[in-house]
N, C-alpha and C. Protein backbone atom coordinates (compact mmCIF):
# COMPACT_ATOMS: atom_id res chain seq x y z
N MET A 1 88.05 94.17 120.59
CA MET A 1 88.20 93.51 119.30
C MET A 1 89.09 94.33 118.36
N GLY A 2 89.02 95.64 118.48
CA GLY A 2 89.85 96.49 117.64
C GLY A 2 91.32 96.30 117.92
N LEU A 3 91.68 96.16 119.20
CA LEU A 3 93.07 95.92 119.56
C LEU A 3 93.54 94.56 119.07
N LEU A 4 92.67 93.55 119.19
CA LEU A 4 93.00 92.22 118.69
C LEU A 4 93.27 92.26 117.19
N ALA A 5 92.40 92.94 116.45
CA ALA A 5 92.57 93.05 115.00
C ALA A 5 93.89 93.73 114.66
N GLU A 6 94.26 94.74 115.44
CA GLU A 6 95.51 95.45 115.17
C GLU A 6 96.72 94.55 115.44
N VAL A 7 96.66 93.74 116.49
CA VAL A 7 97.75 92.81 116.80
C VAL A 7 97.90 91.78 115.68
N ILE A 8 96.77 91.21 115.23
CA ILE A 8 96.82 90.21 114.15
C ILE A 8 97.34 90.84 112.87
N ASN A 9 96.88 92.05 112.55
CA ASN A 9 97.36 92.74 111.35
C ASN A 9 98.87 92.93 111.39
N SER A 10 99.38 93.33 112.54
CA SER A 10 100.82 93.56 112.68
C SER A 10 101.60 92.26 112.49
N ARG A 11 101.08 91.17 113.07
CA ARG A 11 101.77 89.88 112.94
C ARG A 11 101.73 89.36 111.51
N LEU A 12 100.60 89.53 110.85
CA LEU A 12 100.51 89.11 109.45
C LEU A 12 101.54 89.85 108.60
N PHE A 13 101.65 91.15 108.83
CA PHE A 13 102.56 91.97 108.03
C PHE A 13 104.01 91.57 108.27
N THR A 14 104.39 91.43 109.54
CA THR A 14 105.79 91.13 109.85
C THR A 14 106.16 89.69 109.49
N THR A 15 105.20 88.76 109.56
CA THR A 15 105.51 87.35 109.27
C THR A 15 105.36 87.02 107.79
N VAL A 16 104.16 87.23 107.25
CA VAL A 16 103.87 86.80 105.88
C VAL A 16 104.61 87.65 104.86
N ARG A 17 104.73 88.94 105.13
CA ARG A 17 105.43 89.83 104.19
C ARG A 17 106.91 89.92 104.49
N ASP A 18 107.25 90.42 105.69
CA ASP A 18 108.65 90.73 105.97
C ASP A 18 109.52 89.49 106.14
N SER A 19 109.07 88.53 106.95
CA SER A 19 109.90 87.36 107.25
C SER A 19 109.90 86.32 106.13
N LEU A 20 108.71 86.00 105.60
CA LEU A 20 108.59 84.94 104.61
C LEU A 20 108.63 85.45 103.17
N GLY A 21 108.37 86.72 102.96
CA GLY A 21 108.41 87.29 101.61
C GLY A 21 107.38 86.71 100.67
N LEU A 22 106.20 86.37 101.19
CA LEU A 22 105.17 85.72 100.37
C LEU A 22 104.17 86.71 99.78
N THR A 23 104.21 87.95 100.19
CA THR A 23 103.22 88.93 99.73
C THR A 23 103.76 90.34 99.92
N TYR A 24 103.11 91.30 99.31
CA TYR A 24 103.40 92.70 99.62
C TYR A 24 102.19 93.36 100.25
N ASP A 25 101.08 92.63 100.37
CA ASP A 25 99.88 93.22 100.96
C ASP A 25 99.06 92.14 101.65
N VAL A 26 98.82 92.30 102.94
CA VAL A 26 98.01 91.36 103.70
C VAL A 26 97.28 92.13 104.78
N SER A 27 96.03 91.74 105.07
CA SER A 27 95.26 92.48 106.07
C SER A 27 94.23 91.57 106.73
N PHE A 28 93.88 91.92 107.95
CA PHE A 28 92.85 91.24 108.74
C PHE A 28 91.76 92.24 109.05
N GLU A 29 90.51 91.86 108.82
CA GLU A 29 89.39 92.77 109.05
C GLU A 29 88.27 92.05 109.78
N LEU A 30 87.76 92.68 110.83
CA LEU A 30 86.63 92.16 111.59
C LEU A 30 85.35 92.85 111.17
N ASN A 31 84.29 92.09 111.04
CA ASN A 31 82.97 92.64 110.74
C ASN A 31 82.01 92.15 111.81
N LEU A 32 81.56 93.05 112.65
CA LEU A 32 80.70 92.68 113.78
C LEU A 32 79.34 93.34 113.65
N PHE A 33 78.31 92.61 114.03
CA PHE A 33 76.97 93.18 114.07
C PHE A 33 76.82 94.03 115.33
N ASP A 34 76.02 95.09 115.23
CA ASP A 34 75.83 95.97 116.38
C ASP A 34 74.93 95.35 117.44
N ARG A 35 73.90 94.63 117.00
CA ARG A 35 72.89 94.16 117.96
C ARG A 35 72.83 92.64 118.07
N LEU A 36 73.73 91.95 117.45
CA LEU A 36 73.78 90.49 117.52
C LEU A 36 75.17 90.05 117.94
N LYS A 37 75.24 88.94 118.67
CA LYS A 37 76.54 88.40 119.07
C LYS A 37 77.09 87.52 117.95
N LEU A 38 77.17 88.10 116.79
CA LEU A 38 77.64 87.39 115.60
C LEU A 38 78.54 88.30 114.79
N GLY A 39 79.33 87.71 113.93
CA GLY A 39 80.19 88.48 113.06
C GLY A 39 81.08 87.56 112.25
N TRP A 40 82.01 88.14 111.52
CA TRP A 40 82.96 87.34 110.75
C TRP A 40 84.23 88.14 110.57
N TYR A 41 85.28 87.45 110.17
CA TYR A 41 86.55 88.12 109.89
C TYR A 41 87.05 87.67 108.53
N VAL A 42 87.88 88.50 107.93
CA VAL A 42 88.43 88.23 106.60
C VAL A 42 89.93 88.53 106.62
N ILE A 43 90.72 87.60 106.12
CA ILE A 43 92.14 87.86 105.86
C ILE A 43 92.31 87.92 104.35
N SER A 44 92.82 89.02 103.85
CA SER A 44 93.07 89.17 102.42
C SER A 44 94.57 89.25 102.18
N VAL A 45 95.06 88.46 101.24
CA VAL A 45 96.49 88.45 100.94
C VAL A 45 96.68 88.39 99.43
N THR A 46 97.61 89.17 98.92
CA THR A 46 97.94 89.18 97.50
C THR A 46 99.30 88.53 97.30
N SER A 47 99.38 87.59 96.36
CA SER A 47 100.64 86.90 96.14
C SER A 47 100.78 86.53 94.67
N THR A 48 101.85 85.82 94.34
CA THR A 48 102.07 85.32 92.99
C THR A 48 101.53 83.89 92.90
N PRO A 49 101.28 83.38 91.69
CA PRO A 49 100.72 82.03 91.56
C PRO A 49 101.53 80.95 92.27
N SER A 50 102.85 81.07 92.25
CA SER A 50 103.69 80.04 92.85
C SER A 50 103.73 80.10 94.37
N LYS A 51 103.31 81.23 94.94
CA LYS A 51 103.41 81.41 96.39
C LYS A 51 102.06 81.49 97.10
N VAL A 52 100.96 81.49 96.34
CA VAL A 52 99.68 81.83 96.95
C VAL A 52 99.25 80.82 98.01
N TYR A 53 99.48 79.53 97.78
CA TYR A 53 99.05 78.53 98.76
C TYR A 53 99.92 78.59 100.02
N LYS A 54 101.21 78.88 99.84
CA LYS A 54 102.07 79.07 101.01
C LYS A 54 101.63 80.30 101.79
N ALA A 55 101.21 81.34 101.08
CA ALA A 55 100.74 82.56 101.75
C ALA A 55 99.48 82.29 102.55
N VAL A 56 98.57 81.49 101.99
CA VAL A 56 97.34 81.13 102.71
C VAL A 56 97.69 80.37 103.98
N ASP A 57 98.57 79.38 103.87
CA ASP A 57 98.96 78.59 105.04
C ASP A 57 99.64 79.46 106.09
N ALA A 58 100.47 80.40 105.64
CA ALA A 58 101.16 81.29 106.58
C ALA A 58 100.17 82.17 107.33
N CYS A 59 99.14 82.65 106.62
CA CYS A 59 98.11 83.47 107.27
C CYS A 59 97.37 82.66 108.33
N LYS A 60 97.04 81.42 108.01
CA LYS A 60 96.34 80.56 108.98
C LYS A 60 97.21 80.30 110.20
N ASN A 61 98.51 80.08 109.97
CA ASN A 61 99.42 79.83 111.09
C ASN A 61 99.52 81.04 112.01
N VAL A 62 99.56 82.23 111.42
CA VAL A 62 99.59 83.45 112.24
C VAL A 62 98.31 83.57 113.04
N LEU A 63 97.18 83.34 112.39
CA LEU A 63 95.88 83.46 113.05
C LEU A 63 95.76 82.50 114.21
N ARG A 64 96.23 81.27 114.03
CA ARG A 64 96.10 80.24 115.06
C ARG A 64 97.23 80.28 116.08
N GLY A 65 98.26 81.10 115.82
CA GLY A 65 99.45 81.06 116.66
C GLY A 65 99.45 81.97 117.86
N LEU A 66 98.34 82.62 118.15
CA LEU A 66 98.34 83.56 119.27
C LEU A 66 98.46 82.89 120.63
N HIS A 67 98.07 81.61 120.72
CA HIS A 67 98.21 80.91 122.00
C HIS A 67 99.62 80.35 122.17
N SER A 68 100.20 79.83 121.11
CA SER A 68 101.56 79.28 121.20
C SER A 68 102.61 80.38 121.23
N ASN A 69 102.33 81.49 120.58
CA ASN A 69 103.23 82.65 120.55
C ASN A 69 102.49 83.83 121.18
N LYS A 70 102.62 83.94 122.48
CA LYS A 70 101.82 84.89 123.26
C LYS A 70 102.05 86.34 122.83
N VAL A 71 100.99 87.13 122.96
CA VAL A 71 101.08 88.56 122.67
C VAL A 71 102.00 89.23 123.68
N ALA A 72 102.98 89.95 123.20
CA ALA A 72 103.94 90.63 124.07
C ALA A 72 103.42 92.01 124.45
N PRO A 73 103.85 92.52 125.61
CA PRO A 73 103.42 93.87 126.02
C PRO A 73 103.70 94.94 124.96
N ARG A 74 104.84 94.84 124.27
CA ARG A 74 105.17 95.85 123.24
C ARG A 74 104.19 95.78 122.07
N GLU A 75 103.67 94.58 121.75
CA GLU A 75 102.68 94.46 120.68
C GLU A 75 101.39 95.16 121.07
N LEU A 76 100.99 94.97 122.32
CA LEU A 76 99.77 95.61 122.80
C LEU A 76 99.93 97.13 122.81
N GLU A 77 101.07 97.61 123.28
CA GLU A 77 101.30 99.05 123.33
C GLU A 77 101.30 99.66 121.92
N ARG A 78 101.89 98.95 120.96
CA ARG A 78 101.89 99.44 119.58
C ARG A 78 100.47 99.49 119.02
N ALA A 79 99.66 98.46 119.33
CA ALA A 79 98.27 98.44 118.87
C ALA A 79 97.48 99.59 119.49
N LYS A 80 97.72 99.86 120.76
CA LYS A 80 97.04 100.98 121.43
C LYS A 80 97.40 102.31 120.76
N ARG A 81 98.69 102.51 120.51
CA ARG A 81 99.13 103.76 119.88
C ARG A 81 98.48 103.94 118.51
N THR A 82 98.42 102.85 117.75
CA THR A 82 97.82 102.92 116.41
C THR A 82 96.36 103.32 116.48
N LEU A 83 95.59 102.68 117.37
CA LEU A 83 94.16 102.98 117.47
C LEU A 83 93.92 104.38 118.03
N LEU A 84 94.75 104.81 118.98
CA LEU A 84 94.59 106.15 119.54
C LEU A 84 94.91 107.22 118.49
N MET A 85 95.94 106.98 117.70
CA MET A 85 96.29 107.93 116.63
C MET A 85 95.19 107.97 115.57
N ARG A 86 94.63 106.81 115.25
CA ARG A 86 93.54 106.76 114.27
C ARG A 86 92.32 107.50 114.80
N HIS A 87 92.04 107.32 116.09
CA HIS A 87 90.91 108.01 116.72
C HIS A 87 91.10 109.52 116.65
N GLU A 88 92.29 109.98 116.96
CA GLU A 88 92.58 111.42 116.92
C GLU A 88 92.45 111.97 115.50
N ALA A 89 92.85 111.17 114.52
CA ALA A 89 92.80 111.63 113.13
C ALA A 89 91.37 111.67 112.60
N GLU A 90 90.54 110.71 113.02
CA GLU A 90 89.19 110.58 112.46
C GLU A 90 88.12 111.32 113.26
N ILE A 91 88.49 111.86 114.42
CA ILE A 91 87.50 112.48 115.29
C ILE A 91 86.89 113.74 114.67
N LYS A 92 87.54 114.27 113.64
CA LYS A 92 87.01 115.45 112.94
C LYS A 92 86.01 115.07 111.85
N SER A 93 85.82 113.78 111.64
CA SER A 93 84.93 113.30 110.58
C SER A 93 83.52 113.06 111.11
N ASN A 94 82.52 113.60 110.39
CA ASN A 94 81.13 113.37 110.78
C ASN A 94 80.76 111.89 110.71
N ALA A 95 81.26 111.21 109.69
CA ALA A 95 80.96 109.78 109.54
C ALA A 95 81.49 108.98 110.72
N TYR A 96 82.66 109.34 111.21
CA TYR A 96 83.24 108.66 112.36
C TYR A 96 82.38 108.87 113.60
N TRP A 97 81.92 110.10 113.81
CA TRP A 97 81.06 110.40 114.95
C TRP A 97 79.74 109.64 114.86
N LEU A 98 79.18 109.55 113.68
CA LEU A 98 77.94 108.81 113.51
C LEU A 98 78.13 107.34 113.88
N GLY A 99 79.28 106.80 113.52
CA GLY A 99 79.56 105.42 113.88
C GLY A 99 79.68 105.23 115.38
N LEU A 100 80.34 106.18 116.06
CA LEU A 100 80.48 106.11 117.51
C LEU A 100 79.14 106.23 118.22
N LEU A 101 78.26 107.06 117.68
CA LEU A 101 76.98 107.34 118.34
C LEU A 101 75.88 106.35 117.96
N ALA A 102 76.14 105.47 117.02
CA ALA A 102 75.11 104.53 116.56
C ALA A 102 74.59 103.68 117.72
N HIS A 103 73.25 103.56 117.81
CA HIS A 103 72.55 102.73 118.81
C HIS A 103 72.77 103.21 120.25
N LEU A 104 73.19 104.46 120.42
CA LEU A 104 73.46 104.96 121.77
C LEU A 104 72.21 104.94 122.64
N GLN A 105 71.05 105.18 122.05
CA GLN A 105 69.80 105.21 122.81
C GLN A 105 68.92 104.00 122.53
N ALA A 106 69.46 103.00 121.89
CA ALA A 106 68.66 101.82 121.54
C ALA A 106 68.57 100.86 122.73
N SER A 107 67.36 100.48 123.07
CA SER A 107 67.17 99.53 124.17
C SER A 107 67.73 98.15 123.84
N SER A 108 67.88 97.87 122.55
CA SER A 108 68.41 96.57 122.13
C SER A 108 69.93 96.47 122.32
N VAL A 109 70.57 97.61 122.62
CA VAL A 109 72.01 97.61 122.92
C VAL A 109 72.16 98.22 124.31
N PRO A 110 71.81 97.45 125.36
CA PRO A 110 71.68 98.02 126.71
C PRO A 110 72.98 98.51 127.33
N ARG A 111 74.12 97.98 126.94
CA ARG A 111 75.36 98.35 127.61
C ARG A 111 76.06 99.53 126.94
N LYS A 112 75.47 100.06 125.87
CA LYS A 112 76.10 101.19 125.20
C LYS A 112 75.47 102.49 125.68
N ASP A 113 76.27 103.33 126.32
CA ASP A 113 75.81 104.65 126.74
C ASP A 113 76.89 105.67 126.37
N ILE A 114 76.69 106.91 126.79
CA ILE A 114 77.58 107.99 126.38
C ILE A 114 79.01 107.77 126.87
N SER A 115 79.18 106.99 127.94
CA SER A 115 80.53 106.73 128.46
C SER A 115 81.37 105.94 127.45
N CYS A 116 80.70 105.16 126.60
CA CYS A 116 81.43 104.40 125.57
C CYS A 116 82.14 105.33 124.60
N VAL A 117 81.59 106.54 124.44
CA VAL A 117 82.20 107.53 123.56
C VAL A 117 83.17 108.41 124.35
N LYS A 118 82.73 108.90 125.50
CA LYS A 118 83.55 109.80 126.30
C LYS A 118 84.83 109.14 126.81
N GLU A 119 84.74 107.86 127.13
CA GLU A 119 85.87 107.16 127.75
C GLU A 119 86.57 106.20 126.80
N LEU A 120 86.39 106.40 125.50
CA LEU A 120 86.97 105.48 124.53
C LEU A 120 88.48 105.40 124.65
N THR A 121 89.14 106.55 124.75
CA THR A 121 90.60 106.53 124.86
C THR A 121 91.05 105.86 126.16
N SER A 122 90.29 106.07 127.23
CA SER A 122 90.63 105.43 128.51
C SER A 122 90.47 103.91 128.42
N LEU A 123 89.46 103.46 127.68
CA LEU A 123 89.25 102.02 127.49
C LEU A 123 90.42 101.40 126.74
N TYR A 124 90.88 102.08 125.70
CA TYR A 124 92.05 101.59 124.96
C TYR A 124 93.27 101.51 125.87
N GLU A 125 93.51 102.57 126.63
CA GLU A 125 94.70 102.65 127.47
C GLU A 125 94.67 101.62 128.59
N ALA A 126 93.48 101.27 129.08
CA ALA A 126 93.36 100.33 130.20
C ALA A 126 93.36 98.87 129.76
N ALA A 127 93.25 98.61 128.48
CA ALA A 127 93.16 97.23 127.98
C ALA A 127 94.44 96.46 128.30
N SER A 128 94.27 95.19 128.64
CA SER A 128 95.40 94.33 129.00
C SER A 128 95.53 93.18 128.01
N ILE A 129 96.60 92.43 128.14
CA ILE A 129 96.80 91.25 127.29
C ILE A 129 95.70 90.23 127.55
N GLU A 130 95.25 90.13 128.80
CA GLU A 130 94.14 89.22 129.12
C GLU A 130 92.89 89.60 128.33
N ASP A 131 92.66 90.89 128.16
CA ASP A 131 91.50 91.35 127.37
C ASP A 131 91.63 90.92 125.91
N ILE A 132 92.87 90.96 125.40
CA ILE A 132 93.11 90.53 124.02
C ILE A 132 92.70 89.07 123.85
N TYR A 133 93.06 88.24 124.83
CA TYR A 133 92.74 86.81 124.72
C TYR A 133 91.27 86.51 124.97
N LEU A 134 90.61 87.33 125.77
CA LEU A 134 89.16 87.19 125.90
C LEU A 134 88.48 87.42 124.55
N ALA A 135 88.98 88.41 123.81
CA ALA A 135 88.44 88.68 122.47
C ALA A 135 88.83 87.57 121.50
N TYR A 136 90.08 87.12 121.56
CA TYR A 136 90.57 86.09 120.64
C TYR A 136 89.79 84.78 120.78
N ASP A 137 89.42 84.46 122.00
CA ASP A 137 88.68 83.21 122.25
C ASP A 137 87.30 83.22 121.62
N GLN A 138 86.82 84.38 121.19
CA GLN A 138 85.53 84.46 120.51
C GLN A 138 85.65 84.12 119.02
N LEU A 139 86.87 84.13 118.49
CA LEU A 139 87.07 83.80 117.08
C LEU A 139 87.13 82.29 116.90
N LYS A 140 86.50 81.80 115.85
CA LYS A 140 86.61 80.39 115.51
C LYS A 140 87.72 80.25 114.47
N VAL A 141 88.77 79.51 114.83
CA VAL A 141 89.92 79.37 113.93
C VAL A 141 90.20 77.91 113.58
N ASP A 142 89.28 77.01 113.92
CA ASP A 142 89.48 75.60 113.61
C ASP A 142 89.26 75.35 112.12
N GLU A 143 89.67 74.18 111.65
CA GLU A 143 89.59 73.85 110.22
C GLU A 143 88.17 73.93 109.68
N ASP A 144 87.19 73.50 110.48
CA ASP A 144 85.81 73.47 110.00
C ASP A 144 85.19 74.86 109.91
N SER A 145 85.84 75.86 110.50
CA SER A 145 85.28 77.22 110.51
C SER A 145 85.94 78.15 109.51
N LEU A 146 87.01 77.70 108.84
CA LEU A 146 87.72 78.54 107.89
C LEU A 146 87.35 78.20 106.46
N TYR A 147 87.17 79.21 105.65
CA TYR A 147 86.88 79.04 104.22
C TYR A 147 87.90 79.85 103.42
N SER A 148 88.28 79.34 102.28
CA SER A 148 89.26 80.02 101.44
C SER A 148 88.69 80.29 100.06
N CYS A 149 89.05 81.43 99.50
CA CYS A 149 88.65 81.78 98.14
C CYS A 149 89.88 82.33 97.43
N ILE A 150 90.29 81.68 96.35
CA ILE A 150 91.48 82.09 95.62
C ILE A 150 91.09 82.58 94.24
N GLY A 151 91.51 83.78 93.90
CA GLY A 151 91.20 84.35 92.59
C GLY A 151 92.46 84.69 91.83
N ILE A 152 92.48 84.42 90.53
CA ILE A 152 93.62 84.75 89.69
C ILE A 152 93.17 85.78 88.66
N ALA A 153 93.81 86.93 88.67
CA ALA A 153 93.46 88.01 87.74
C ALA A 153 94.52 88.11 86.66
N GLY A 154 94.09 88.32 85.42
CA GLY A 154 95.05 88.49 84.33
C GLY A 154 94.56 87.88 83.04
N VAL A 155 95.30 88.08 81.98
CA VAL A 155 94.87 87.62 80.66
C VAL A 155 94.87 86.11 80.55
N ASN A 156 95.62 85.42 81.42
CA ASN A 156 95.68 83.97 81.36
C ASN A 156 94.84 83.30 82.44
N ALA A 157 93.94 84.06 83.06
CA ALA A 157 93.18 83.51 84.18
C ALA A 157 92.21 82.44 83.75
N GLY A 158 91.59 82.57 82.58
CA GLY A 158 90.62 81.57 82.16
C GLY A 158 90.74 81.27 80.68
N GLU A 159 90.33 80.09 80.29
CA GLU A 159 90.38 79.73 78.88
C GLU A 159 89.35 80.54 78.11
N GLY A 160 89.69 80.90 76.89
CA GLY A 160 88.75 81.64 76.06
C GLY A 160 88.67 83.10 76.41
N ALA A 161 89.68 83.62 77.13
CA ALA A 161 89.65 85.02 77.52
C ALA A 161 89.84 85.94 76.32
N MET A 162 90.48 85.43 75.29
CA MET A 162 90.67 86.17 74.04
C MET A 162 91.29 87.55 74.27
N GLY A 163 92.31 87.57 75.13
CA GLY A 163 93.04 88.80 75.34
C GLY A 163 92.40 89.75 76.33
N GLU A 164 91.20 89.46 76.81
CA GLU A 164 90.55 90.34 77.77
C GLU A 164 91.04 90.01 79.18
N ASP A 165 91.09 91.02 80.03
CA ASP A 165 91.46 90.79 81.42
C ASP A 165 90.33 90.05 82.11
N MET A 166 90.70 89.02 82.88
CA MET A 166 89.69 88.20 83.53
C MET A 166 90.06 88.00 84.99
N LEU A 167 89.08 87.65 85.77
CA LEU A 167 89.30 87.27 87.16
C LEU A 167 88.61 85.95 87.40
N GLN A 168 89.35 84.94 87.84
CA GLN A 168 88.79 83.63 88.06
C GLN A 168 88.88 83.29 89.54
N PHE A 169 87.76 82.83 90.10
CA PHE A 169 87.72 82.47 91.51
C PHE A 169 87.56 80.97 91.67
N LYS A 170 88.12 80.44 92.72
CA LYS A 170 87.80 79.09 93.15
C LYS A 170 87.50 79.16 94.63
N CYS A 171 86.26 78.90 95.02
CA CYS A 171 85.86 78.93 96.42
C CYS A 171 85.86 77.50 96.94
N LEU A 172 86.53 77.28 98.04
CA LEU A 172 86.67 75.95 98.61
C LEU A 172 85.99 75.90 99.96
N GLU A 173 85.10 74.92 100.17
CA GLU A 173 84.31 74.90 101.39
C GLU A 173 84.07 73.47 101.84
N PRO A 174 84.36 73.09 103.09
CA PRO A 174 85.17 73.88 104.03
C PRO A 174 86.65 73.69 103.74
N ASP A 175 87.48 74.40 104.45
CA ASP A 175 88.92 74.36 104.21
C ASP A 175 89.49 72.95 104.39
N LYS A 176 88.91 72.19 105.31
CA LYS A 176 89.44 70.87 105.64
C LYS A 176 89.19 69.87 104.53
N ASN A 177 88.11 70.02 103.78
CA ASN A 177 87.74 69.06 102.74
C ASN A 177 87.62 69.79 101.41
N LEU A 178 88.75 70.03 100.78
CA LEU A 178 88.76 70.85 99.58
C LEU A 178 87.99 70.22 98.42
N LYS A 179 87.72 68.91 98.49
CA LYS A 179 87.05 68.26 97.37
C LYS A 179 85.55 68.52 97.35
N THR A 180 84.99 69.09 98.42
CA THR A 180 83.54 69.29 98.48
C THR A 180 83.16 70.72 98.14
N ASN A 181 82.03 70.86 97.48
CA ASN A 181 81.43 72.18 97.22
C ASN A 181 82.36 73.16 96.52
N GLU A 182 83.05 72.70 95.50
CA GLU A 182 83.91 73.61 94.75
C GLU A 182 83.06 74.46 93.81
N LEU A 183 83.45 75.70 93.66
CA LEU A 183 82.72 76.63 92.80
C LEU A 183 83.72 77.44 92.00
N ASP A 184 83.59 77.41 90.68
CA ASP A 184 84.43 78.22 89.81
C ASP A 184 83.56 79.25 89.11
N CYS A 185 84.04 80.48 89.02
CA CYS A 185 83.32 81.50 88.27
C CYS A 185 84.32 82.47 87.67
N VAL A 186 83.98 83.03 86.53
CA VAL A 186 84.89 83.94 85.83
C VAL A 186 84.17 85.24 85.55
N GLY A 187 84.85 86.38 85.75
CA GLY A 187 84.26 87.68 85.45
C GLY A 187 85.34 88.65 85.05
N LYS A 188 84.97 89.70 84.34
CA LYS A 188 85.96 90.67 83.86
C LYS A 188 86.36 91.64 84.97
N VAL A 189 87.64 91.96 85.00
CA VAL A 189 88.15 92.99 85.90
C VAL A 189 89.16 93.83 85.14
N GLY A 190 89.61 94.90 85.75
CA GLY A 190 90.49 95.83 85.05
C GLY A 190 91.96 95.63 85.34
N HIS A 191 92.41 94.38 85.47
CA HIS A 191 93.82 94.14 85.72
C HIS A 191 94.49 93.65 84.43
N GLY A 192 95.71 94.08 84.17
CA GLY A 192 96.42 93.65 82.99
C GLY A 192 97.54 92.68 83.31
N TYR A 193 97.51 92.08 84.48
CA TYR A 193 98.57 91.17 84.87
C TYR A 193 97.97 90.06 85.71
N GLU A 194 98.73 89.00 85.90
CA GLU A 194 98.22 87.84 86.63
C GLU A 194 98.60 87.95 88.09
N MET A 195 97.62 87.88 88.97
CA MET A 195 97.89 88.07 90.38
C MET A 195 96.82 87.38 91.22
N PRO A 196 97.14 86.29 91.89
CA PRO A 196 96.16 85.66 92.76
C PRO A 196 96.00 86.44 94.06
N TRP A 197 94.82 86.41 94.58
CA TRP A 197 94.62 86.96 95.91
C TRP A 197 93.69 86.03 96.66
N THR A 198 93.87 85.91 97.93
CA THR A 198 93.20 84.90 98.72
C THR A 198 92.48 85.51 99.90
N ILE A 199 91.32 84.99 100.19
CA ILE A 199 90.55 85.44 101.35
C ILE A 199 90.26 84.25 102.23
N CYS A 200 90.60 84.35 103.49
CA CYS A 200 90.24 83.31 104.46
C CYS A 200 89.32 83.94 105.48
N GLY A 201 88.18 83.33 105.73
CA GLY A 201 87.30 83.94 106.71
C GLY A 201 86.44 82.94 107.39
């Protein structure tokens, strides 16, 4: 899953930022439970008011495009190098080691043993494109499974702001039927400019 996340992150950056010029910051993050076959992912993108909806659509297209635009060997190799370099950099951190060792002796996580730590670099190096797609097929990317939340930060974000910096959110659920379950909320933040940011998960 880590390699898949790295591939998606790279594609988001090169497509949504470099090719389309819709953002200067975009990221994909996976959140997985240790003992349950459940989890979620989040795509965060920062854009301007005039481009934010195009940026959201571009992120969705990248996420759904892994089957039509197959992962190339060079993409996989770049993802491997990134994760291996990150592993080497973080291996001196106690917090990183605690994360690696979590549930090592737990009977509720039967397939995790010391080899998962000792052979981590070998697992990264041995991963194939087929492994990437086995992981990708676990993600739900259909319209009914995606939710969007758009927030606008700045002095003009909400009526009655009276010069204070505000952050206004609009949560849309589900993505396919934007007219249902709309939620608006306003809260103070420390931004002095107007900047929408969007989360799809």
